Amino acid sequence: EILRVTGVQTCALPICGIHAFELYVPRHCVSAAALEKLHGVAGKYTRGMAIAEYAGCGEDEDAASMGITSVSRLLERHGVGWHDVGMLQVGSESLLDRSKSIKTALMALFEARGGVDAIGADNYHASHGGTVALLGCTAWTQGASWDGRWALAVGTDVSIRAADDRQRAGAAAVAVLIGATAPLRLQPGYVSCA
């Protein structure tokens, strides 16, 4: 059973999962078919990797700004209060300048709207960083330290690759809202292989 007290969820035995997510893709993109033709690799991107377009940031975007956009759209579209988020985990391999985390940039958004006490961290790790953020949020909502508030996992990245590794370049951000009695349940426990 769920009990709502001033916008905060509480649950005796949390069966938590994903309630909603918001995907942000930059406005600049190029056709994967056009890149195949340019690179002389017919079908490699479109059929082989199921890619239709590659997105890229403009001069006014980076991993933090994409994360800010996805988070603000998610919370506003779903009516979640900024103070009702208790965990914020970020996964990326795109450090801005190696002096400030992306979570710090996101917390400025929360602080301006009254949400000042979300715990969490950046998970800086290639393609696994977003997964670590999601698993960290899930573990928190299913653990003894969960205080009934929402968890928010953010995966954001600007992939800049070497000229010979063009097929894996791109940019996007996703914010995932995690809490009790979710339409998409996440099972406790996981296995990670490397």
N, C-alpha and C. Protein backbone atom coordinates (compact mmCIF):
# COMPACT_ATOMS: atom_id res chain seq x y z
N GLU A 1 0.82 -1.17 0.00
CA GLU A 1 0.00 0.00 0.00
C GLU A 1 0.87 1.24 0.00
N ILE A 2 0.36 2.28 -0.62
CA ILE A 2 1.08 3.55 -0.68
C ILE A 2 0.32 4.59 0.13
N LEU A 3 1.04 5.36 0.88
CA LEU A 3 0.47 6.46 1.65
C LEU A 3 1.17 7.73 1.19
N ARG A 4 0.41 8.73 0.78
CA ARG A 4 1.00 10.00 0.35
C ARG A 4 0.83 11.03 1.46
N VAL A 5 1.94 11.55 1.91
CA VAL A 5 1.93 12.59 2.93
C VAL A 5 2.72 13.78 2.38
N THR A 6 2.06 14.89 2.17
CA THR A 6 2.67 16.10 1.60
C THR A 6 3.54 15.80 0.38
N GLY A 7 3.02 14.99 -0.53
CA GLY A 7 3.72 14.71 -1.78
C GLY A 7 4.80 13.66 -1.68
N VAL A 8 5.06 13.12 -0.49
CA VAL A 8 6.11 12.12 -0.32
C VAL A 8 5.46 10.75 -0.24
N GLN A 9 6.05 9.77 -0.95
CA GLN A 9 5.52 8.41 -0.95
C GLN A 9 6.15 7.62 0.20
N THR A 10 5.36 6.79 0.85
CA THR A 10 5.94 5.84 1.80
C THR A 10 5.37 4.47 1.49
N CYS A 11 6.13 3.45 1.76
CA CYS A 11 5.73 2.10 1.38
C CYS A 11 6.41 1.11 2.33
N ALA A 12 5.63 0.23 2.94
CA ALA A 12 6.20 -0.75 3.87
C ALA A 12 7.16 -1.69 3.15
N LEU A 13 6.75 -2.26 2.04
CA LEU A 13 7.60 -3.14 1.24
C LEU A 13 7.66 -2.57 -0.17
N PRO A 14 8.64 -1.73 -0.45
CA PRO A 14 8.64 -1.07 -1.74
C PRO A 14 8.89 -2.02 -2.91
N ILE A 15 7.98 -1.99 -3.85
CA ILE A 15 8.20 -2.65 -5.14
C ILE A 15 8.35 -1.49 -6.11
N CYS A 16 9.58 -1.10 -6.31
CA CYS A 16 9.85 0.14 -7.02
C CYS A 16 10.19 -0.11 -8.48
N GLY A 17 10.12 0.97 -9.23
CA GLY A 17 10.45 0.87 -10.64
C GLY A 17 10.32 2.21 -11.33
N ILE A 18 10.21 2.16 -12.65
CA ILE A 18 10.19 3.36 -13.48
C ILE A 18 8.75 3.85 -13.66
N HIS A 19 8.55 5.12 -13.32
CA HIS A 19 7.25 5.76 -13.51
C HIS A 19 7.19 6.52 -14.82
N ALA A 20 8.29 7.16 -15.18
CA ALA A 20 8.30 7.98 -16.39
C ALA A 20 9.75 8.28 -16.76
N PHE A 21 9.94 8.66 -18.01
CA PHE A 21 11.27 9.13 -18.42
C PHE A 21 11.11 10.21 -19.47
N GLU A 22 12.15 11.01 -19.61
CA GLU A 22 12.17 12.10 -20.58
C GLU A 22 13.48 12.02 -21.36
N LEU A 23 13.36 11.90 -22.65
CA LEU A 23 14.52 11.83 -23.55
C LEU A 23 14.72 13.17 -24.22
N TYR A 24 15.96 13.65 -24.22
CA TYR A 24 16.29 14.87 -24.94
C TYR A 24 17.37 14.55 -25.96
N VAL A 25 17.13 14.93 -27.20
CA VAL A 25 18.10 14.77 -28.29
C VAL A 25 18.33 16.14 -28.89
N PRO A 26 19.60 16.54 -29.07
CA PRO A 26 19.88 17.86 -29.64
C PRO A 26 19.24 18.05 -31.00
N ARG A 27 19.03 19.31 -31.36
CA ARG A 27 18.33 19.65 -32.60
C ARG A 27 19.16 19.42 -33.86
N HIS A 28 20.47 19.30 -33.72
CA HIS A 28 21.33 19.08 -34.89
C HIS A 28 21.48 17.58 -35.13
N CYS A 29 21.23 17.15 -36.36
CA CYS A 29 21.38 15.73 -36.66
C CYS A 29 21.75 15.54 -38.13
N VAL A 30 22.22 14.34 -38.42
CA VAL A 30 22.58 13.99 -39.79
C VAL A 30 22.06 12.57 -40.05
N SER A 31 21.65 12.32 -41.26
CA SER A 31 21.11 11.02 -41.64
C SER A 31 22.20 9.94 -41.58
N ALA A 32 21.88 8.82 -40.98
CA ALA A 32 22.82 7.70 -40.93
C ALA A 32 23.07 7.15 -42.33
N ALA A 33 22.05 7.16 -43.19
CA ALA A 33 22.21 6.68 -44.57
C ALA A 33 23.19 7.57 -45.33
N ALA A 34 23.12 8.88 -45.10
CA ALA A 34 24.07 9.79 -45.75
C ALA A 34 25.49 9.55 -45.27
N LEU A 35 25.64 9.26 -43.96
CA LEU A 35 26.97 8.96 -43.44
C LEU A 35 27.51 7.65 -43.99
N GLU A 36 26.63 6.65 -44.14
CA GLU A 36 27.06 5.38 -44.75
C GLU A 36 27.64 5.62 -46.13
N LYS A 37 26.95 6.45 -46.90
CA LYS A 37 27.41 6.75 -48.26
C LYS A 37 28.75 7.48 -48.23
N LEU A 38 28.87 8.47 -47.35
CA LEU A 38 30.10 9.23 -47.22
C LEU A 38 31.27 8.34 -46.78
N HIS A 39 31.01 7.43 -45.85
CA HIS A 39 32.05 6.56 -45.31
C HIS A 39 32.27 5.29 -46.14
N GLY A 40 31.42 5.06 -47.14
CA GLY A 40 31.55 3.86 -47.98
C GLY A 40 31.26 2.56 -47.26
N VAL A 41 30.28 2.59 -46.36
CA VAL A 41 29.93 1.39 -45.59
C VAL A 41 28.42 1.15 -45.68
N ALA A 42 27.91 0.85 -46.84
CA ALA A 42 26.48 0.68 -47.08
C ALA A 42 25.85 -0.30 -46.09
N GLY A 43 24.79 0.15 -45.42
CA GLY A 43 24.03 -0.70 -44.50
C GLY A 43 24.60 -0.85 -43.11
N LYS A 44 25.84 -0.41 -42.87
CA LYS A 44 26.48 -0.63 -41.57
C LYS A 44 25.73 0.07 -40.44
N TYR A 45 25.33 1.32 -40.65
CA TYR A 45 24.67 2.09 -39.59
C TYR A 45 23.16 1.85 -39.58
N THR A 46 22.53 1.87 -40.75
CA THR A 46 21.07 1.76 -40.82
C THR A 46 20.58 0.35 -40.55
N ARG A 47 21.10 -0.63 -41.25
CA ARG A 47 20.65 -2.02 -41.04
C ARG A 47 21.45 -2.70 -39.93
N GLY A 48 22.74 -2.53 -39.93
CA GLY A 48 23.60 -3.22 -38.96
C GLY A 48 23.44 -2.73 -37.53
N MET A 49 23.27 -1.42 -37.36
CA MET A 49 23.17 -0.86 -36.01
C MET A 49 21.80 -0.25 -35.73
N ALA A 50 20.87 -0.31 -36.69
CA ALA A 50 19.50 0.20 -36.55
C ALA A 50 19.46 1.68 -36.17
N ILE A 51 20.33 2.48 -36.78
CA ILE A 51 20.40 3.91 -36.51
C ILE A 51 19.79 4.66 -37.68
N ALA A 52 18.93 5.62 -37.41
CA ALA A 52 18.34 6.45 -38.46
C ALA A 52 19.08 7.78 -38.59
N GLU A 53 19.45 8.37 -37.43
CA GLU A 53 20.13 9.66 -37.43
C GLU A 53 21.16 9.72 -36.30
N TYR A 54 22.16 10.54 -36.50
CA TYR A 54 23.13 10.86 -35.46
C TYR A 54 22.86 12.28 -34.99
N ALA A 55 22.78 12.49 -33.69
CA ALA A 55 22.55 13.83 -33.14
C ALA A 55 23.86 14.40 -32.62
N GLY A 56 23.95 15.72 -32.66
CA GLY A 56 25.14 16.38 -32.14
C GLY A 56 24.78 17.71 -31.51
N CYS A 57 25.54 18.11 -30.51
CA CYS A 57 25.29 19.37 -29.80
C CYS A 57 25.73 20.56 -30.63
N GLY A 58 25.02 21.66 -30.43
CA GLY A 58 25.44 22.93 -30.98
C GLY A 58 26.40 23.59 -30.00
N GLU A 59 26.83 24.79 -30.33
CA GLU A 59 27.77 25.52 -29.47
C GLU A 59 27.15 25.88 -28.12
N ASP A 60 25.83 25.91 -28.04
CA ASP A 60 25.15 26.30 -26.81
C ASP A 60 24.70 25.11 -25.96
N GLU A 61 25.19 23.91 -26.24
CA GLU A 61 24.77 22.72 -25.50
C GLU A 61 25.98 21.92 -25.06
N ASP A 62 25.79 21.17 -23.97
CA ASP A 62 26.78 20.22 -23.49
C ASP A 62 26.05 19.15 -22.67
N ALA A 63 26.78 18.24 -22.06
CA ALA A 63 26.15 17.16 -21.30
C ALA A 63 25.31 17.70 -20.14
N ALA A 64 25.77 18.76 -19.47
CA ALA A 64 25.02 19.32 -18.35
C ALA A 64 23.73 19.98 -18.83
N SER A 65 23.80 20.78 -19.88
CA SER A 65 22.59 21.47 -20.35
C SER A 65 21.55 20.47 -20.86
N MET A 66 22.00 19.38 -21.49
CA MET A 66 21.04 18.36 -21.93
C MET A 66 20.41 17.68 -20.73
N GLY A 67 21.20 17.41 -19.69
CA GLY A 67 20.66 16.82 -18.46
C GLY A 67 19.65 17.75 -17.80
N ILE A 68 19.97 19.04 -17.75
CA ILE A 68 19.06 20.03 -17.17
C ILE A 68 17.73 20.05 -17.93
N THR A 69 17.80 20.00 -19.25
CA THR A 69 16.58 20.01 -20.06
C THR A 69 15.74 18.77 -19.80
N SER A 70 16.36 17.59 -19.79
CA SER A 70 15.58 16.36 -19.59
C SER A 70 14.98 16.30 -18.19
N VAL A 71 15.72 16.74 -17.17
CA VAL A 71 15.22 16.72 -15.79
C VAL A 71 14.07 17.70 -15.62
N SER A 72 14.25 18.94 -16.08
CA SER A 72 13.19 19.93 -15.88
C SER A 72 11.92 19.56 -16.64
N ARG A 73 12.05 19.04 -17.84
CA ARG A 73 10.86 18.61 -18.59
C ARG A 73 10.15 17.46 -17.88
N LEU A 74 10.92 16.49 -17.39
CA LEU A 74 10.32 15.33 -16.72
C LEU A 74 9.54 15.75 -15.48
N LEU A 75 10.14 16.52 -14.60
CA LEU A 75 9.47 16.90 -13.36
C LEU A 75 8.26 17.80 -13.62
N GLU A 76 8.41 18.74 -14.54
CA GLU A 76 7.29 19.64 -14.83
C GLU A 76 6.14 18.93 -15.52
N ARG A 77 6.42 18.04 -16.46
CA ARG A 77 5.35 17.33 -17.18
C ARG A 77 4.60 16.35 -16.30
N HIS A 78 5.26 15.86 -15.25
CA HIS A 78 4.61 14.87 -14.39
C HIS A 78 4.22 15.42 -13.03
N GLY A 79 4.34 16.73 -12.86
CA GLY A 79 3.89 17.37 -11.63
C GLY A 79 4.64 16.96 -10.38
N VAL A 80 5.90 16.62 -10.51
CA VAL A 80 6.71 16.21 -9.35
C VAL A 80 7.39 17.46 -8.78
N GLY A 81 7.25 17.65 -7.48
CA GLY A 81 7.89 18.78 -6.82
C GLY A 81 9.40 18.57 -6.72
N TRP A 82 10.14 19.63 -6.88
CA TRP A 82 11.60 19.55 -6.83
C TRP A 82 12.07 19.09 -5.46
N HIS A 83 11.34 19.44 -4.41
CA HIS A 83 11.68 19.01 -3.05
C HIS A 83 11.28 17.55 -2.79
N ASP A 84 10.53 16.95 -3.70
CA ASP A 84 10.11 15.56 -3.54
C ASP A 84 11.10 14.57 -4.14
N VAL A 85 12.23 15.03 -4.63
CA VAL A 85 13.29 14.16 -5.15
C VAL A 85 14.35 14.03 -4.07
N GLY A 86 14.60 12.80 -3.63
CA GLY A 86 15.57 12.56 -2.56
C GLY A 86 16.88 11.97 -3.02
N MET A 87 16.92 11.44 -4.24
CA MET A 87 18.14 10.83 -4.78
C MET A 87 18.31 11.31 -6.21
N LEU A 88 19.51 11.74 -6.55
CA LEU A 88 19.84 12.16 -7.91
C LEU A 88 21.18 11.55 -8.29
N GLN A 89 21.13 10.62 -9.21
CA GLN A 89 22.35 9.96 -9.71
C GLN A 89 22.53 10.33 -11.17
N VAL A 90 23.74 10.64 -11.58
CA VAL A 90 24.04 11.01 -12.95
C VAL A 90 25.07 10.04 -13.51
N GLY A 91 24.84 9.57 -14.73
CA GLY A 91 25.80 8.71 -15.42
C GLY A 91 26.23 9.37 -16.71
N SER A 92 27.55 9.46 -16.92
CA SER A 92 28.08 10.07 -18.12
C SER A 92 29.55 9.71 -18.30
N GLU A 93 30.05 9.91 -19.50
CA GLU A 93 31.48 9.88 -19.70
C GLU A 93 31.95 11.23 -20.22
N SER A 94 31.08 12.24 -20.13
CA SER A 94 31.37 13.58 -20.64
C SER A 94 31.55 14.57 -19.50
N LEU A 95 32.72 14.62 -18.93
CA LEU A 95 33.00 15.64 -17.92
C LEU A 95 33.05 16.99 -18.61
N LEU A 96 32.54 18.01 -17.94
CA LEU A 96 32.53 19.34 -18.53
C LEU A 96 33.93 19.94 -18.56
N ASP A 97 34.55 20.02 -17.40
CA ASP A 97 35.89 20.60 -17.34
C ASP A 97 36.75 19.95 -16.26
N ARG A 98 36.34 18.79 -15.78
CA ARG A 98 37.04 18.02 -14.76
C ARG A 98 37.16 18.73 -13.42
N SER A 99 36.37 19.80 -13.22
CA SER A 99 36.41 20.48 -11.93
C SER A 99 35.05 20.51 -11.24
N LYS A 100 33.98 20.24 -11.98
CA LYS A 100 32.64 20.30 -11.40
C LYS A 100 31.80 19.17 -11.97
N SER A 101 31.07 18.49 -11.10
CA SER A 101 30.24 17.38 -11.56
C SER A 101 28.98 17.88 -12.25
N ILE A 102 28.38 17.02 -13.07
CA ILE A 102 27.12 17.35 -13.71
C ILE A 102 26.01 17.42 -12.66
N LYS A 103 26.09 16.59 -11.63
CA LYS A 103 25.10 16.65 -10.55
C LYS A 103 25.10 18.03 -9.90
N THR A 104 26.26 18.64 -9.77
CA THR A 104 26.34 19.99 -9.20
C THR A 104 25.55 20.97 -10.06
N ALA A 105 25.69 20.87 -11.37
CA ALA A 105 24.94 21.74 -12.28
C ALA A 105 23.44 21.49 -12.15
N LEU A 106 23.03 20.22 -12.02
CA LEU A 106 21.62 19.89 -11.86
C LEU A 106 21.08 20.37 -10.52
N MET A 107 21.89 20.30 -9.47
CA MET A 107 21.43 20.72 -8.15
C MET A 107 21.15 22.22 -8.10
N ALA A 108 21.81 23.02 -8.94
CA ALA A 108 21.49 24.45 -9.00
C ALA A 108 20.04 24.65 -9.43
N LEU A 109 19.57 23.79 -10.31
CA LEU A 109 18.18 23.82 -10.76
C LEU A 109 17.25 23.49 -9.59
N PHE A 110 17.60 22.47 -8.81
CA PHE A 110 16.79 22.07 -7.65
C PHE A 110 16.78 23.15 -6.59
N GLU A 111 17.95 23.69 -6.28
CA GLU A 111 18.05 24.70 -5.22
C GLU A 111 17.22 25.94 -5.53
N ALA A 112 17.17 26.32 -6.80
CA ALA A 112 16.38 27.49 -7.19
C ALA A 112 14.88 27.26 -7.01
N ARG A 113 14.48 25.99 -6.85
CA ARG A 113 13.06 25.65 -6.72
C ARG A 113 12.74 24.98 -5.37
N GLY A 114 13.62 25.11 -4.41
CA GLY A 114 13.35 24.62 -3.06
C GLY A 114 13.78 23.20 -2.76
N GLY A 115 14.41 22.52 -3.67
CA GLY A 115 14.89 21.16 -3.43
C GLY A 115 16.38 21.17 -3.13
N VAL A 116 16.72 21.13 -1.84
CA VAL A 116 18.13 21.34 -1.47
C VAL A 116 18.81 20.11 -0.88
N ASP A 117 18.10 19.00 -0.75
CA ASP A 117 18.72 17.88 -0.03
C ASP A 117 18.64 16.54 -0.76
N ALA A 118 18.82 16.54 -2.06
CA ALA A 118 18.87 15.28 -2.81
C ALA A 118 20.29 14.73 -2.74
N ILE A 119 20.41 13.50 -2.26
CA ILE A 119 21.73 12.86 -2.21
C ILE A 119 22.03 12.24 -3.57
N GLY A 120 23.27 11.86 -3.80
CA GLY A 120 23.64 11.22 -5.05
C GLY A 120 25.03 11.60 -5.49
N ALA A 121 25.36 11.24 -6.72
CA ALA A 121 26.70 11.47 -7.24
C ALA A 121 26.71 11.33 -8.75
N ASP A 122 27.82 11.72 -9.34
CA ASP A 122 28.08 11.43 -10.75
C ASP A 122 28.75 10.07 -10.84
N ASN A 123 28.40 9.31 -11.85
CA ASN A 123 29.05 8.04 -12.16
C ASN A 123 29.73 8.23 -13.50
N TYR A 124 31.02 8.47 -13.47
CA TYR A 124 31.77 8.74 -14.68
C TYR A 124 32.32 7.43 -15.21
N HIS A 125 31.69 6.91 -16.26
CA HIS A 125 32.08 5.60 -16.76
C HIS A 125 31.46 5.41 -18.14
N ALA A 126 32.20 5.26 -19.14
CA ALA A 126 31.76 4.99 -20.51
C ALA A 126 30.27 4.71 -20.62
N SER A 127 29.88 3.69 -21.34
CA SER A 127 28.47 3.43 -21.59
C SER A 127 27.75 2.84 -20.37
N HIS A 128 28.46 2.43 -19.36
CA HIS A 128 27.86 1.81 -18.18
C HIS A 128 27.44 2.84 -17.13
N GLY A 129 27.85 4.10 -17.26
CA GLY A 129 27.55 5.13 -16.26
C GLY A 129 26.06 5.33 -16.04
N GLY A 130 25.27 5.39 -17.11
CA GLY A 130 23.83 5.55 -16.97
C GLY A 130 23.19 4.36 -16.28
N THR A 131 23.69 3.16 -16.57
CA THR A 131 23.18 1.96 -15.91
C THR A 131 23.49 2.00 -14.42
N VAL A 132 24.69 2.43 -14.06
CA VAL A 132 25.07 2.54 -12.65
C VAL A 132 24.16 3.55 -11.94
N ALA A 133 23.85 4.66 -12.61
CA ALA A 133 22.94 5.65 -12.02
C ALA A 133 21.55 5.05 -11.78
N LEU A 134 21.03 4.33 -12.76
CA LEU A 134 19.72 3.68 -12.62
C LEU A 134 19.73 2.65 -11.50
N LEU A 135 20.76 1.82 -11.45
CA LEU A 135 20.85 0.80 -10.40
C LEU A 135 21.02 1.42 -9.02
N GLY A 136 21.76 2.52 -8.92
CA GLY A 136 21.93 3.20 -7.65
C GLY A 136 20.61 3.77 -7.13
N CYS A 137 19.83 4.35 -8.02
CA CYS A 137 18.51 4.88 -7.64
C CYS A 137 17.57 3.76 -7.24
N THR A 138 17.60 2.68 -7.98
CA THR A 138 16.75 1.53 -7.66
C THR A 138 17.11 0.94 -6.31
N ALA A 139 18.41 0.77 -6.04
CA ALA A 139 18.86 0.22 -4.76
C ALA A 139 18.42 1.13 -3.60
N TRP A 140 18.49 2.44 -3.80
CA TRP A 140 18.09 3.38 -2.74
C TRP A 140 16.60 3.24 -2.45
N THR A 141 15.76 3.17 -3.51
CA THR A 141 14.31 3.08 -3.29
C THR A 141 13.90 1.74 -2.71
N GLN A 142 14.74 0.73 -2.82
CA GLN A 142 14.41 -0.59 -2.27
C GLN A 142 15.13 -0.87 -0.96
N GLY A 143 15.89 0.11 -0.47
CA GLY A 143 16.69 -0.10 0.73
C GLY A 143 16.12 0.54 1.97
N ALA A 144 16.78 0.28 3.08
CA ALA A 144 16.33 0.77 4.39
C ALA A 144 16.48 2.28 4.52
N SER A 145 17.36 2.92 3.76
CA SER A 145 17.56 4.37 3.89
C SER A 145 16.60 5.19 3.03
N TRP A 146 15.73 4.52 2.26
CA TRP A 146 14.77 5.24 1.41
C TRP A 146 13.81 6.03 2.29
N ASP A 147 13.63 7.30 2.01
CA ASP A 147 12.76 8.15 2.81
C ASP A 147 11.41 8.40 2.16
N GLY A 148 11.08 7.67 1.10
CA GLY A 148 9.78 7.78 0.46
C GLY A 148 9.73 8.76 -0.70
N ARG A 149 10.81 9.51 -0.91
CA ARG A 149 10.81 10.47 -2.01
C ARG A 149 11.23 9.78 -3.31
N TRP A 150 11.08 10.51 -4.40
CA TRP A 150 11.43 10.01 -5.72
C TRP A 150 12.95 9.91 -5.87
N ALA A 151 13.38 8.98 -6.71
CA ALA A 151 14.77 8.90 -7.15
C ALA A 151 14.80 9.30 -8.62
N LEU A 152 15.87 9.94 -9.02
CA LEU A 152 16.00 10.43 -10.39
C LEU A 152 17.36 10.00 -10.93
N ALA A 153 17.34 9.17 -11.97
CA ALA A 153 18.56 8.74 -12.65
C ALA A 153 18.67 9.52 -13.96
N VAL A 154 19.84 10.08 -14.21
CA VAL A 154 20.06 10.88 -15.40
C VAL A 154 21.27 10.32 -16.14
N GLY A 155 21.06 9.99 -17.41
CA GLY A 155 22.16 9.58 -18.28
C GLY A 155 22.32 10.64 -19.35
N THR A 156 23.49 11.23 -19.45
CA THR A 156 23.71 12.30 -20.42
C THR A 156 25.12 12.19 -20.97
N ASP A 157 25.24 12.36 -22.28
CA ASP A 157 26.55 12.17 -22.88
C ASP A 157 26.68 12.89 -24.20
N VAL A 158 27.86 13.38 -24.46
CA VAL A 158 28.25 13.91 -25.76
C VAL A 158 29.43 13.06 -26.19
N SER A 159 29.18 12.15 -27.07
CA SER A 159 30.20 11.21 -27.50
C SER A 159 31.02 11.81 -28.64
N ILE A 160 32.28 12.06 -28.37
CA ILE A 160 33.20 12.57 -29.39
C ILE A 160 34.24 11.49 -29.61
N ARG A 161 34.27 10.96 -30.80
CA ARG A 161 35.14 9.83 -31.12
C ARG A 161 36.20 10.21 -32.13
N ALA A 162 37.19 9.36 -32.22
CA ALA A 162 38.25 9.55 -33.21
C ALA A 162 37.67 9.38 -34.62
N ALA A 163 38.36 9.91 -35.61
CA ALA A 163 37.88 9.88 -36.99
C ALA A 163 37.61 8.47 -37.48
N ASP A 164 38.35 7.48 -37.02
CA ASP A 164 38.16 6.11 -37.48
C ASP A 164 37.06 5.37 -36.69
N ASP A 165 36.40 6.05 -35.75
CA ASP A 165 35.37 5.43 -34.93
C ASP A 165 34.08 6.25 -35.03
N ARG A 166 33.76 6.74 -36.20
CA ARG A 166 32.64 7.66 -36.41
C ARG A 166 31.28 7.06 -36.07
N GLN A 167 31.09 5.78 -36.24
CA GLN A 167 29.76 5.20 -36.09
C GLN A 167 29.23 5.26 -34.67
N ARG A 168 30.06 5.58 -33.70
CA ARG A 168 29.58 5.62 -32.33
C ARG A 168 29.47 7.04 -31.78
N ALA A 169 29.52 8.05 -32.60
CA ALA A 169 29.39 9.43 -32.13
C ALA A 169 27.92 9.78 -31.96
N GLY A 170 27.63 10.70 -31.06
CA GLY A 170 26.26 11.14 -30.86
C GLY A 170 26.10 11.88 -29.56
N ALA A 171 24.89 12.34 -29.28
CA ALA A 171 24.61 13.09 -28.06
C ALA A 171 23.14 12.94 -27.69
N ALA A 172 22.87 12.79 -26.40
CA ALA A 172 21.50 12.71 -25.90
C ALA A 172 21.51 12.71 -24.38
N ALA A 173 20.34 12.87 -23.79
CA ALA A 173 20.17 12.78 -22.33
C ALA A 173 18.82 12.15 -22.04
N VAL A 174 18.77 11.39 -20.94
CA VAL A 174 17.51 10.82 -20.48
C VAL A 174 17.44 10.98 -18.96
N ALA A 175 16.27 11.35 -18.47
CA ALA A 175 16.00 11.42 -17.04
C ALA A 175 14.92 10.39 -16.73
N VAL A 176 15.14 9.57 -15.70
CA VAL A 176 14.24 8.47 -15.36
C VAL A 176 13.73 8.66 -13.93
N LEU A 177 12.41 8.68 -13.76
CA LEU A 177 11.78 8.87 -12.46
C LEU A 177 11.47 7.51 -11.85
N ILE A 178 12.01 7.27 -10.65
CA ILE A 178 11.90 5.97 -10.00
C ILE A 178 11.22 6.13 -8.65
N GLY A 179 10.24 5.25 -8.38
CA GLY A 179 9.53 5.29 -7.11
C GLY A 179 8.70 4.04 -6.90
N ALA A 180 7.86 4.06 -5.88
CA ALA A 180 7.05 2.90 -5.51
C ALA A 180 5.86 2.74 -6.44
N THR A 181 5.32 1.52 -6.46
CA THR A 181 4.15 1.12 -7.27
C THR A 181 4.25 1.59 -8.71
N ALA A 182 5.35 1.30 -9.33
CA ALA A 182 5.62 1.76 -10.69
C ALA A 182 4.99 0.85 -11.73
N PRO A 183 4.64 1.41 -12.89
CA PRO A 183 4.12 0.59 -13.97
C PRO A 183 5.17 -0.37 -14.54
N LEU A 184 6.44 0.01 -14.46
CA LEU A 184 7.54 -0.86 -14.91
C LEU A 184 8.40 -1.18 -13.70
N ARG A 185 8.20 -2.36 -13.13
CA ARG A 185 8.91 -2.76 -11.92
C ARG A 185 10.34 -3.17 -12.22
N LEU A 186 11.23 -2.83 -11.30
CA LEU A 186 12.62 -3.24 -11.38
C LEU A 186 12.90 -4.23 -10.26
N GLN A 187 13.41 -5.39 -10.60
CA GLN A 187 13.67 -6.43 -9.63
C GLN A 187 14.90 -6.08 -8.80
N PRO A 188 14.87 -6.39 -7.50
CA PRO A 188 16.06 -6.14 -6.68
C PRO A 188 17.19 -7.07 -7.08
N GLY A 189 18.41 -6.59 -6.93
CA GLY A 189 19.58 -7.39 -7.26
C GLY A 189 19.91 -7.31 -8.74
N TYR A 190 21.17 -7.42 -9.06
CA TYR A 190 21.59 -7.40 -10.46
C TYR A 190 22.96 -8.04 -10.59
N VAL A 191 23.33 -8.35 -11.81
CA VAL A 191 24.64 -8.91 -12.13
C VAL A 191 25.27 -8.02 -13.18
N SER A 192 26.53 -7.70 -13.01
CA SER A 192 27.25 -6.88 -13.98
C SER A 192 28.50 -7.62 -14.41
N CYS A 193 28.69 -7.73 -15.71
CA CYS A 193 29.86 -8.43 -16.25
C CYS A 193 30.70 -7.47 -17.08
N ALA A 194 31.99 -7.62 -17.03
CA ALA A 194 32.88 -6.78 -17.82
C ALA A 194 33.89 -7.66 -18.53
